[in-house]
């Protein structure tokens, strides 16, 4: 398979369950094992740092994008293959998305939700057809999945919205989806 670039949206914190960090590390290892490139938010903290350090340890190329105002807060990881500093959060999301073939969303907070909804909205508007995978570790994203169903059930989105996101329980399922045909 040709080299692919996988954008990972995830938390700048580790969260309360050790499974979150373990999954981020496994994702980084799997990206490296396949010779793929990691595209992510360029932080060296939380799940962002975990996925990046694991990818780097396995020899993967890493492409990090961070807005100027977060360089200190998220501890900008400057030892990446490519490190880009943007002016705004919106520009960060755009650069990350334009440099990937698929999006994987690990647990995270408001920023990860913002990133997720932006790429899903772009898909809904027909601006892309890249895979968007939601990694539902120990049911973390269950409320989000329920909300998406509620939005459809209440008539604010077509049922096709639900087809724009693939929910995966673990990294094995994510890799199976990313390596399809």
N, C-alpha and C. Protein backbone atom coordinates (compact mmCIF):
# COMPACT_ATOMS: atom_id res chain seq x y z
N UNK A 1 0.85 -1.19 0.00
CA UNK A 1 0.00 0.00 0.00
C UNK A 1 0.89 1.24 0.00
N UNK A 2 0.45 2.23 -0.72
CA UNK A 2 1.23 3.47 -0.78
C UNK A 2 1.16 4.20 0.56
N UNK A 3 2.11 5.09 0.76
CA UNK A 3 2.13 5.85 2.00
C UNK A 3 0.85 6.65 2.15
N UNK A 4 0.30 6.61 3.33
CA UNK A 4 -0.91 7.37 3.63
C UNK A 4 -0.59 8.33 4.77
N UNK A 5 -1.38 9.37 4.84
CA UNK A 5 -1.27 10.33 5.95
C UNK A 5 -2.55 10.26 6.75
N UNK A 6 -2.39 10.01 8.04
CA UNK A 6 -3.54 9.85 8.93
C UNK A 6 -3.56 11.02 9.90
N UNK A 7 -4.63 11.80 9.84
CA UNK A 7 -4.81 12.92 10.76
C UNK A 7 -5.46 12.38 12.03
N UNK A 8 -4.86 12.70 13.16
CA UNK A 8 -5.41 12.27 14.45
C UNK A 8 -5.81 13.51 15.24
N UNK A 9 -7.09 13.57 15.56
CA UNK A 9 -7.61 14.59 16.48
C UNK A 9 -7.76 13.92 17.83
N UNK A 10 -7.25 14.55 18.89
CA UNK A 10 -7.33 13.95 20.22
C UNK A 10 -6.99 14.99 21.28
N UNK A 11 -7.14 14.59 22.51
CA UNK A 11 -6.97 15.51 23.63
C UNK A 11 -5.55 15.92 23.92
N UNK A 12 -5.43 17.13 24.44
CA UNK A 12 -4.14 17.63 24.93
C UNK A 12 -3.96 17.24 26.40
N UNK A 13 -4.91 16.45 26.90
CA UNK A 13 -4.82 15.84 28.23
C UNK A 13 -4.92 14.33 28.04
N UNK A 14 -4.54 13.57 29.07
CA UNK A 14 -4.57 12.11 28.97
C UNK A 14 -5.93 11.52 29.32
N UNK A 15 -6.79 12.27 30.02
CA UNK A 15 -8.06 11.70 30.45
C UNK A 15 -7.87 10.82 31.68
N UNK A 16 -8.97 10.27 32.18
CA UNK A 16 -8.91 9.53 33.44
C UNK A 16 -8.62 8.04 33.27
N UNK A 17 -8.95 7.47 32.13
CA UNK A 17 -8.73 6.03 31.95
C UNK A 17 -7.39 5.76 31.26
N UNK A 18 -6.60 4.85 31.82
CA UNK A 18 -5.32 4.49 31.17
C UNK A 18 -5.52 3.97 29.74
N UNK A 19 -6.68 3.44 29.43
CA UNK A 19 -6.96 2.92 28.09
C UNK A 19 -6.87 4.01 27.02
N UNK A 20 -7.16 5.26 27.39
CA UNK A 20 -7.08 6.34 26.40
C UNK A 20 -5.65 6.51 25.91
N UNK A 21 -4.72 6.62 26.85
CA UNK A 21 -3.31 6.79 26.47
C UNK A 21 -2.78 5.54 25.79
N UNK A 22 -3.13 4.37 26.29
CA UNK A 22 -2.67 3.12 25.68
C UNK A 22 -3.13 3.02 24.22
N UNK A 23 -4.35 3.47 23.95
CA UNK A 23 -4.88 3.44 22.59
C UNK A 23 -4.14 4.44 21.70
N UNK A 24 -3.85 5.62 22.23
CA UNK A 24 -3.09 6.62 21.47
C UNK A 24 -1.71 6.07 21.11
N UNK A 25 -1.06 5.42 22.06
CA UNK A 25 0.26 4.83 21.82
C UNK A 25 0.16 3.74 20.75
N UNK A 26 -0.85 2.88 20.88
CA UNK A 26 -1.02 1.81 19.89
C UNK A 26 -1.28 2.38 18.50
N UNK A 27 -2.07 3.44 18.41
CA UNK A 27 -2.32 4.07 17.11
C UNK A 27 -1.03 4.60 16.51
N UNK A 28 -0.21 5.26 17.32
CA UNK A 28 1.08 5.75 16.83
C UNK A 28 1.96 4.62 16.33
N UNK A 29 2.01 3.51 17.08
CA UNK A 29 2.80 2.34 16.66
C UNK A 29 2.28 1.78 15.33
N UNK A 30 0.96 1.68 15.20
CA UNK A 30 0.38 1.10 13.99
C UNK A 30 0.60 2.00 12.76
N UNK A 31 0.54 3.29 12.95
CA UNK A 31 0.83 4.22 11.85
C UNK A 31 2.27 4.01 11.38
N UNK A 32 3.19 3.94 12.33
CA UNK A 32 4.61 3.74 11.98
C UNK A 32 4.83 2.38 11.33
N UNK A 33 4.22 1.35 11.87
CA UNK A 33 4.40 -0.01 11.35
C UNK A 33 4.02 -0.11 9.88
N UNK A 34 3.03 0.67 9.47
CA UNK A 34 2.56 0.63 8.09
C UNK A 34 3.29 1.62 7.17
N UNK A 35 4.21 2.38 7.73
CA UNK A 35 4.94 3.35 6.92
C UNK A 35 4.12 4.58 6.57
N UNK A 36 3.09 4.84 7.37
CA UNK A 36 2.22 5.99 7.14
C UNK A 36 2.77 7.20 7.87
N UNK A 37 2.23 8.36 7.55
CA UNK A 37 2.61 9.61 8.19
C UNK A 37 1.52 10.02 9.17
N UNK A 38 1.93 10.49 10.33
CA UNK A 38 1.00 11.05 11.32
C UNK A 38 0.86 12.54 11.08
N UNK A 39 -0.37 13.01 10.97
CA UNK A 39 -0.68 14.43 10.92
C UNK A 39 -1.47 14.71 12.18
N UNK A 40 -1.03 15.69 12.97
CA UNK A 40 -1.72 15.94 14.25
C UNK A 40 -1.43 17.36 14.72
N UNK A 41 -1.92 17.69 15.89
CA UNK A 41 -1.88 19.05 16.39
C UNK A 41 -0.58 19.57 16.96
N UNK A 42 0.52 18.82 16.81
CA UNK A 42 1.87 19.26 17.16
C UNK A 42 2.13 19.45 18.65
N UNK A 43 1.22 19.01 19.50
CA UNK A 43 1.46 19.12 20.93
C UNK A 43 2.29 17.96 21.45
N UNK A 44 2.97 18.19 22.57
CA UNK A 44 3.77 17.15 23.21
C UNK A 44 3.20 16.81 24.58
N UNK A 45 1.89 16.99 24.72
CA UNK A 45 1.20 16.71 25.98
C UNK A 45 -0.02 15.84 25.69
N UNK A 46 -0.53 15.19 26.73
CA UNK A 46 -1.75 14.43 26.62
C UNK A 46 -1.70 13.32 25.58
N UNK A 47 -2.86 13.03 24.99
CA UNK A 47 -2.93 11.99 23.96
C UNK A 47 -2.17 12.41 22.71
N UNK A 48 -2.11 13.72 22.45
CA UNK A 48 -1.35 14.20 21.29
C UNK A 48 0.11 13.78 21.41
N UNK A 49 0.70 14.04 22.55
CA UNK A 49 2.09 13.67 22.76
C UNK A 49 2.29 12.16 22.71
N UNK A 50 1.33 11.42 23.26
CA UNK A 50 1.45 9.95 23.28
C UNK A 50 1.46 9.38 21.87
N UNK A 51 0.53 9.81 21.02
CA UNK A 51 0.47 9.27 19.67
C UNK A 51 1.70 9.69 18.87
N UNK A 52 2.16 10.92 19.04
CA UNK A 52 3.32 11.41 18.30
C UNK A 52 4.60 10.70 18.72
N UNK A 53 4.81 10.57 20.02
CA UNK A 53 6.02 9.90 20.50
C UNK A 53 6.07 8.45 20.05
N UNK A 54 4.92 7.77 20.06
CA UNK A 54 4.88 6.38 19.61
C UNK A 54 5.15 6.28 18.11
N UNK A 55 4.57 7.19 17.34
CA UNK A 55 4.81 7.19 15.89
C UNK A 55 6.28 7.45 15.60
N UNK A 56 6.86 8.43 16.29
CA UNK A 56 8.28 8.74 16.09
C UNK A 56 9.17 7.56 16.48
N UNK A 57 8.85 6.91 17.60
CA UNK A 57 9.65 5.78 18.06
C UNK A 57 9.66 4.65 17.02
N UNK A 58 8.58 4.54 16.26
CA UNK A 58 8.50 3.53 15.22
C UNK A 58 9.04 3.98 13.88
N UNK A 59 9.55 5.21 13.80
CA UNK A 59 10.16 5.71 12.57
C UNK A 59 9.20 6.40 11.61
N UNK A 60 8.00 6.70 12.05
CA UNK A 60 7.04 7.36 11.16
C UNK A 60 7.39 8.82 10.93
N UNK A 61 7.01 9.31 9.75
CA UNK A 61 7.08 10.74 9.52
C UNK A 61 5.97 11.38 10.35
N UNK A 62 6.25 12.58 10.85
CA UNK A 62 5.27 13.29 11.66
C UNK A 62 5.11 14.71 11.15
N UNK A 63 3.86 15.12 10.99
CA UNK A 63 3.52 16.44 10.46
C UNK A 63 2.64 17.09 11.53
N UNK A 64 3.19 18.07 12.23
CA UNK A 64 2.45 18.73 13.31
C UNK A 64 2.08 20.15 12.94
N UNK A 65 0.86 20.53 13.33
CA UNK A 65 0.35 21.87 13.02
C UNK A 65 -0.22 22.47 14.30
N UNK A 66 0.28 23.63 14.66
CA UNK A 66 -0.14 24.25 15.92
C UNK A 66 -0.30 25.76 15.73
N UNK A 67 -1.36 26.35 16.30
CA UNK A 67 -1.48 27.80 16.21
C UNK A 67 -0.52 28.48 17.20
N UNK A 68 -0.05 29.63 16.82
CA UNK A 68 0.93 30.37 17.63
C UNK A 68 0.52 30.46 19.10
N UNK A 69 -0.74 30.75 19.37
CA UNK A 69 -1.17 30.97 20.75
C UNK A 69 -1.17 29.70 21.61
N UNK A 70 -0.99 28.52 21.00
CA UNK A 70 -0.95 27.27 21.77
C UNK A 70 0.44 26.66 21.87
N UNK A 71 1.44 27.29 21.28
CA UNK A 71 2.79 26.71 21.28
C UNK A 71 3.27 26.43 22.70
N UNK A 72 3.06 27.35 23.62
CA UNK A 72 3.51 27.13 25.00
C UNK A 72 2.55 26.22 25.76
N UNK A 73 1.25 26.43 25.60
CA UNK A 73 0.24 25.68 26.34
C UNK A 73 0.27 24.19 26.00
N UNK A 74 0.34 23.87 24.72
CA UNK A 74 0.35 22.47 24.30
C UNK A 74 1.77 21.94 24.11
N UNK A 75 2.77 22.73 24.48
CA UNK A 75 4.17 22.38 24.40
C UNK A 75 4.50 21.91 22.97
N UNK A 76 4.57 22.88 22.07
CA UNK A 76 4.84 22.58 20.66
C UNK A 76 6.02 21.65 20.49
N UNK A 77 5.78 20.54 19.82
CA UNK A 77 6.79 19.48 19.63
C UNK A 77 7.58 19.79 18.36
N UNK A 78 8.73 20.41 18.53
CA UNK A 78 9.49 20.91 17.40
C UNK A 78 10.39 19.87 16.73
N UNK A 79 10.49 18.66 17.31
CA UNK A 79 11.37 17.63 16.72
C UNK A 79 10.63 16.73 15.72
N UNK A 80 9.56 17.24 15.14
CA UNK A 80 8.78 16.49 14.17
C UNK A 80 9.43 16.56 12.79
N UNK A 81 9.00 15.68 11.89
CA UNK A 81 9.49 15.74 10.52
C UNK A 81 9.15 17.09 9.91
N UNK A 82 7.92 17.53 10.17
CA UNK A 82 7.49 18.86 9.70
C UNK A 82 6.68 19.50 10.81
N UNK A 83 7.01 20.73 11.14
CA UNK A 83 6.37 21.48 12.23
C UNK A 83 5.90 22.80 11.66
N UNK A 84 4.57 23.01 11.66
CA UNK A 84 3.98 24.20 11.08
C UNK A 84 3.27 25.00 12.17
N UNK A 85 3.53 26.28 12.24
CA UNK A 85 2.84 27.17 13.17
C UNK A 85 1.89 28.05 12.36
N UNK A 86 0.61 28.02 12.74
CA UNK A 86 -0.40 28.82 12.05
C UNK A 86 -0.82 30.00 12.91
N UNK A 87 -1.58 30.90 12.30
CA UNK A 87 -2.09 32.05 13.06
C UNK A 87 -3.34 31.71 13.87
N UNK A 88 -4.21 30.86 13.31
CA UNK A 88 -5.51 30.61 13.95
C UNK A 88 -5.80 29.12 14.07
N UNK A 89 -6.78 28.80 14.91
CA UNK A 89 -7.25 27.43 15.06
C UNK A 89 -7.86 26.93 13.75
N UNK A 90 -8.62 27.78 13.10
CA UNK A 90 -9.26 27.36 11.84
C UNK A 90 -8.20 26.99 10.81
N UNK A 91 -7.16 27.80 10.72
CA UNK A 91 -6.08 27.51 9.77
C UNK A 91 -5.40 26.19 10.14
N UNK A 92 -5.24 25.93 11.43
CA UNK A 92 -4.65 24.67 11.89
C UNK A 92 -5.46 23.48 11.37
N UNK A 93 -6.77 23.53 11.59
CA UNK A 93 -7.64 22.43 11.14
C UNK A 93 -7.55 22.25 9.63
N UNK A 94 -7.56 23.34 8.91
CA UNK A 94 -7.52 23.26 7.44
C UNK A 94 -6.22 22.63 6.97
N UNK A 95 -5.09 23.06 7.52
CA UNK A 95 -3.79 22.52 7.11
C UNK A 95 -3.70 21.04 7.46
N UNK A 96 -4.17 20.66 8.65
CA UNK A 96 -4.14 19.26 9.03
C UNK A 96 -4.99 18.44 8.06
N UNK A 97 -6.20 18.91 7.82
CA UNK A 97 -7.12 18.16 6.98
C UNK A 97 -6.63 18.05 5.53
N UNK A 98 -6.09 19.13 5.00
CA UNK A 98 -5.63 19.13 3.61
C UNK A 98 -4.41 18.23 3.41
N UNK A 99 -3.74 17.87 4.48
CA UNK A 99 -2.54 17.04 4.39
C UNK A 99 -2.76 15.60 4.87
N UNK A 100 -4.01 15.14 4.80
CA UNK A 100 -4.28 13.78 5.24
C UNK A 100 -5.19 13.05 4.26
N UNK A 101 -5.20 11.73 4.42
CA UNK A 101 -6.07 10.87 3.63
C UNK A 101 -7.27 10.37 4.43
N UNK A 102 -7.16 10.41 5.75
CA UNK A 102 -8.23 9.94 6.64
C UNK A 102 -8.07 10.64 7.98
N UNK A 103 -9.18 10.69 8.72
CA UNK A 103 -9.18 11.31 10.04
C UNK A 103 -9.57 10.27 11.08
N UNK A 104 -8.79 10.20 12.16
CA UNK A 104 -9.09 9.33 13.29
C UNK A 104 -9.26 10.22 14.51
N UNK A 105 -10.38 10.06 15.22
CA UNK A 105 -10.66 10.89 16.38
C UNK A 105 -10.62 10.02 17.64
N UNK A 106 -9.63 10.30 18.49
CA UNK A 106 -9.51 9.66 19.79
C UNK A 106 -10.25 10.52 20.82
N UNK A 107 -10.38 10.04 22.06
CA UNK A 107 -11.01 10.89 23.07
C UNK A 107 -10.33 12.25 23.19
N UNK A 108 -11.13 13.23 23.51
CA UNK A 108 -10.64 14.59 23.68
C UNK A 108 -11.75 15.47 24.19
N UNK A 109 -11.46 16.75 24.28
CA UNK A 109 -12.41 17.71 24.82
C UNK A 109 -13.04 18.57 23.74
N UNK A 110 -13.29 19.82 24.10
CA UNK A 110 -13.99 20.74 23.20
C UNK A 110 -13.24 20.93 21.88
N UNK A 111 -11.92 20.99 21.93
CA UNK A 111 -11.14 21.17 20.70
C UNK A 111 -11.30 19.99 19.77
N UNK A 112 -11.27 18.78 20.32
CA UNK A 112 -11.44 17.58 19.50
C UNK A 112 -12.85 17.53 18.92
N UNK A 113 -13.84 17.94 19.71
CA UNK A 113 -15.22 17.99 19.21
C UNK A 113 -15.33 19.01 18.07
N UNK A 114 -14.70 20.16 18.23
CA UNK A 114 -14.70 21.18 17.18
C UNK A 114 -14.10 20.61 15.90
N UNK A 115 -12.97 19.95 16.02
CA UNK A 115 -12.31 19.38 14.85
C UNK A 115 -13.19 18.32 14.21
N UNK A 116 -13.76 17.44 15.02
CA UNK A 116 -14.65 16.38 14.52
C UNK A 116 -15.83 16.97 13.76
N UNK A 117 -16.53 17.93 14.38
CA UNK A 117 -17.71 18.48 13.73
C UNK A 117 -17.37 19.27 12.47
N UNK A 118 -16.22 19.90 12.43
CA UNK A 118 -15.85 20.62 11.22
C UNK A 118 -15.66 19.67 10.05
N UNK A 119 -14.91 18.57 10.25
CA UNK A 119 -14.69 17.66 9.13
C UNK A 119 -15.96 16.90 8.75
N UNK A 120 -16.83 16.63 9.72
CA UNK A 120 -18.11 15.98 9.39
C UNK A 120 -19.00 16.95 8.63
N UNK A 121 -19.00 18.21 9.02
CA UNK A 121 -19.78 19.22 8.31
C UNK A 121 -19.28 19.37 6.88
N UNK A 122 -17.96 19.42 6.70
CA UNK A 122 -17.40 19.51 5.35
C UNK A 122 -17.84 18.31 4.51
N UNK A 123 -17.89 17.13 5.15
CA UNK A 123 -18.33 15.92 4.44
C UNK A 123 -19.81 16.04 4.07
N UNK A 124 -20.62 16.52 5.00
CA UNK A 124 -22.05 16.70 4.77
C UNK A 124 -22.31 17.65 3.61
N UNK A 125 -21.44 18.64 3.48
CA UNK A 125 -21.58 19.64 2.41
C UNK A 125 -20.96 19.17 1.09
N UNK A 126 -20.41 17.97 1.08
CA UNK A 126 -19.84 17.43 -0.15
C UNK A 126 -18.46 17.94 -0.47
N UNK A 127 -17.75 18.49 0.50
CA UNK A 127 -16.43 19.05 0.26
C UNK A 127 -15.31 18.01 0.29
N UNK A 128 -15.61 16.81 0.78
CA UNK A 128 -14.62 15.72 0.80
C UNK A 128 -15.35 14.39 0.98
N UNK A 129 -14.59 13.33 0.76
CA UNK A 129 -15.13 11.99 1.03
C UNK A 129 -14.10 11.14 1.78
N UNK A 130 -13.26 11.80 2.56
CA UNK A 130 -12.25 11.09 3.34
C UNK A 130 -12.92 10.35 4.50
N UNK A 131 -12.39 9.19 4.86
CA UNK A 131 -12.93 8.47 6.01
C UNK A 131 -12.73 9.27 7.30
N UNK A 132 -13.75 9.24 8.16
CA UNK A 132 -13.69 9.85 9.49
C UNK A 132 -14.02 8.73 10.48
N UNK A 133 -13.05 8.38 11.31
CA UNK A 133 -13.22 7.28 12.25
C UNK A 133 -13.22 7.80 13.68
N UNK A 134 -14.22 7.42 14.41
CA UNK A 134 -14.38 7.79 15.81
C UNK A 134 -14.00 6.58 16.65
N UNK A 135 -12.95 6.70 17.46
CA UNK A 135 -12.49 5.57 18.27
C UNK A 135 -13.18 5.65 19.63
N UNK A 136 -14.14 4.77 19.82
CA UNK A 136 -15.03 4.80 20.99
C UNK A 136 -14.50 3.92 22.11
N UNK A 137 -13.39 4.34 22.71
CA UNK A 137 -12.73 3.57 23.75
C UNK A 137 -13.60 3.54 25.01
N UNK A 138 -13.95 2.34 25.43
CA UNK A 138 -14.76 2.14 26.63
C UNK A 138 -16.01 3.02 26.64
N UNK A 139 -16.60 3.23 25.46
CA UNK A 139 -17.84 4.00 25.35
C UNK A 139 -17.68 5.50 25.50
N UNK A 140 -16.44 6.00 25.39
CA UNK A 140 -16.21 7.43 25.58
C UNK A 140 -17.12 8.29 24.71
N UNK A 141 -17.28 7.92 23.45
CA UNK A 141 -18.05 8.74 22.51
C UNK A 141 -19.53 8.37 22.47
N UNK A 142 -20.02 7.49 23.33
CA UNK A 142 -21.44 7.11 23.31
C UNK A 142 -22.38 8.32 23.35
N UNK A 143 -22.14 9.32 24.21
CA UNK A 143 -23.04 10.49 24.19
C UNK A 143 -23.02 11.25 22.87
N UNK A 144 -21.85 11.33 22.22
CA UNK A 144 -21.76 12.00 20.93
C UNK A 144 -22.53 11.21 19.86
N UNK A 145 -22.38 9.91 19.87
CA UNK A 145 -23.09 9.06 18.91
C UNK A 145 -24.60 9.21 19.12
N UNK A 146 -25.03 9.22 20.38
CA UNK A 146 -26.46 9.41 20.68
C UNK A 146 -26.93 10.79 20.20
N UNK A 147 -26.10 11.81 20.37
CA UNK A 147 -26.46 13.16 19.92
C UNK A 147 -26.63 13.19 18.40
N UNK A 148 -25.75 12.54 17.68
CA UNK A 148 -25.86 12.51 16.22
C UNK A 148 -27.16 11.84 15.79
N UNK A 149 -27.51 10.75 16.46
CA UNK A 149 -28.79 10.08 16.17
C UNK A 149 -29.97 11.00 16.50
N UNK A 150 -29.86 11.73 17.59
CA UNK A 150 -30.91 12.67 18.01
C UNK A 150 -31.10 13.78 16.96
N UNK A 151 -30.00 14.31 16.45
CA UNK A 151 -30.05 15.35 15.42
C UNK A 151 -30.80 14.83 14.19
N UNK A 152 -30.51 13.60 13.79
CA UNK A 152 -31.19 12.99 12.65
C UNK A 152 -32.65 12.74 12.98
N UNK A 153 -32.90 12.14 14.16
CA UNK A 153 -34.28 11.81 14.56
C UNK A 153 -35.17 13.05 14.66
N UNK A 154 -34.57 14.18 15.01
CA UNK A 154 -35.34 15.41 15.17
C UNK A 154 -35.43 16.22 13.87
N UNK A 155 -34.91 15.67 12.78
CA UNK A 155 -35.07 16.29 11.48
C UNK A 155 -34.10 17.41 11.14
N UNK A 156 -32.97 17.49 11.88
CA UNK A 156 -32.00 18.55 11.60
C UNK A 156 -30.84 18.09 10.71
N UNK A 157 -30.85 16.83 10.34
CA UNK A 157 -29.86 16.29 9.41
C UNK A 157 -30.45 15.06 8.76
N UNK A 158 -30.00 14.81 7.54
CA UNK A 158 -30.39 13.61 6.84
C UNK A 158 -29.71 12.41 7.50
N UNK A 159 -30.33 11.25 7.40
CA UNK A 159 -29.76 10.03 7.98
C UNK A 159 -28.37 9.73 7.43
N UNK A 160 -28.04 10.26 6.25
CA UNK A 160 -26.72 10.04 5.68
C UNK A 160 -25.61 10.59 6.58
N UNK A 161 -25.94 11.53 7.45
CA UNK A 161 -24.95 12.07 8.39
C UNK A 161 -24.29 10.93 9.16
N UNK A 162 -25.07 9.94 9.54
CA UNK A 162 -24.56 8.82 10.33
C UNK A 162 -23.59 7.96 9.53
N UNK A 163 -23.70 7.99 8.21
CA UNK A 163 -22.81 7.22 7.35
C UNK A 163 -21.46 7.89 7.15
N UNK A 164 -21.34 9.15 7.53
CA UNK A 164 -20.10 9.88 7.33
C UNK A 164 -19.05 9.56 8.39
N UNK A 165 -19.46 8.84 9.43
CA UNK A 165 -18.57 8.53 10.54
C UNK A 165 -18.58 7.02 10.77
N UNK A 166 -17.40 6.44 10.87
CA UNK A 166 -17.28 5.04 11.22
C UNK A 166 -16.85 4.96 12.68
N UNK A 167 -17.65 4.29 13.48
CA UNK A 167 -17.33 4.13 14.90
C UNK A 167 -16.56 2.83 15.07
N UNK A 168 -15.41 2.93 15.71
CA UNK A 168 -14.55 1.77 15.94
C UNK A 168 -14.29 1.65 17.44
N UNK A 169 -14.31 0.42 17.93
CA UNK A 169 -14.13 0.19 19.37
C UNK A 169 -12.66 0.19 19.78
N UNK A 170 -11.77 -0.10 18.83
CA UNK A 170 -10.35 -0.22 19.18
C UNK A 170 -9.48 0.01 17.94
N UNK A 171 -8.19 -0.03 18.14
CA UNK A 171 -7.26 0.26 17.05
C UNK A 171 -7.26 -0.85 16.00
N UNK A 172 -7.51 -2.09 16.38
CA UNK A 172 -7.61 -3.16 15.38
C UNK A 172 -8.72 -2.83 14.38
N UNK A 173 -9.87 -2.37 14.87
CA UNK A 173 -10.99 -2.01 13.99
C UNK A 173 -10.63 -0.80 13.14
N UNK A 174 -9.92 0.15 13.71
CA UNK A 174 -9.49 1.34 12.95
C UNK A 174 -8.57 0.90 11.81
N UNK A 175 -7.59 0.07 12.11
CA UNK A 175 -6.64 -0.38 11.08
C UNK A 175 -7.35 -1.18 10.00
N UNK A 176 -8.30 -2.01 10.38
CA UNK A 176 -9.06 -2.77 9.39
C UNK A 176 -9.80 -1.82 8.44
N UNK A 177 -10.35 -0.76 8.98
CA UNK A 177 -11.09 0.22 8.16
C UNK A 177 -10.14 0.99 7.26
N UNK A 178 -9.00 1.41 7.80
CA UNK A 178 -8.05 2.21 7.03
C UNK A 178 -7.34 1.42 5.93
N UNK A 179 -7.30 0.12 6.06
CA UNK A 179 -6.60 -0.69 5.05
C UNK A 179 -7.55 -1.36 4.08
N UNK A 180 -8.83 -1.01 4.13
CA UNK A 180 -9.80 -1.56 3.18
C UNK A 180 -9.41 -1.20 1.77
N UNK A 181 -9.64 -2.14 0.86
CA UNK A 181 -9.51 -2.07 -0.54
C UNK A 181 -8.97 -0.95 -1.23
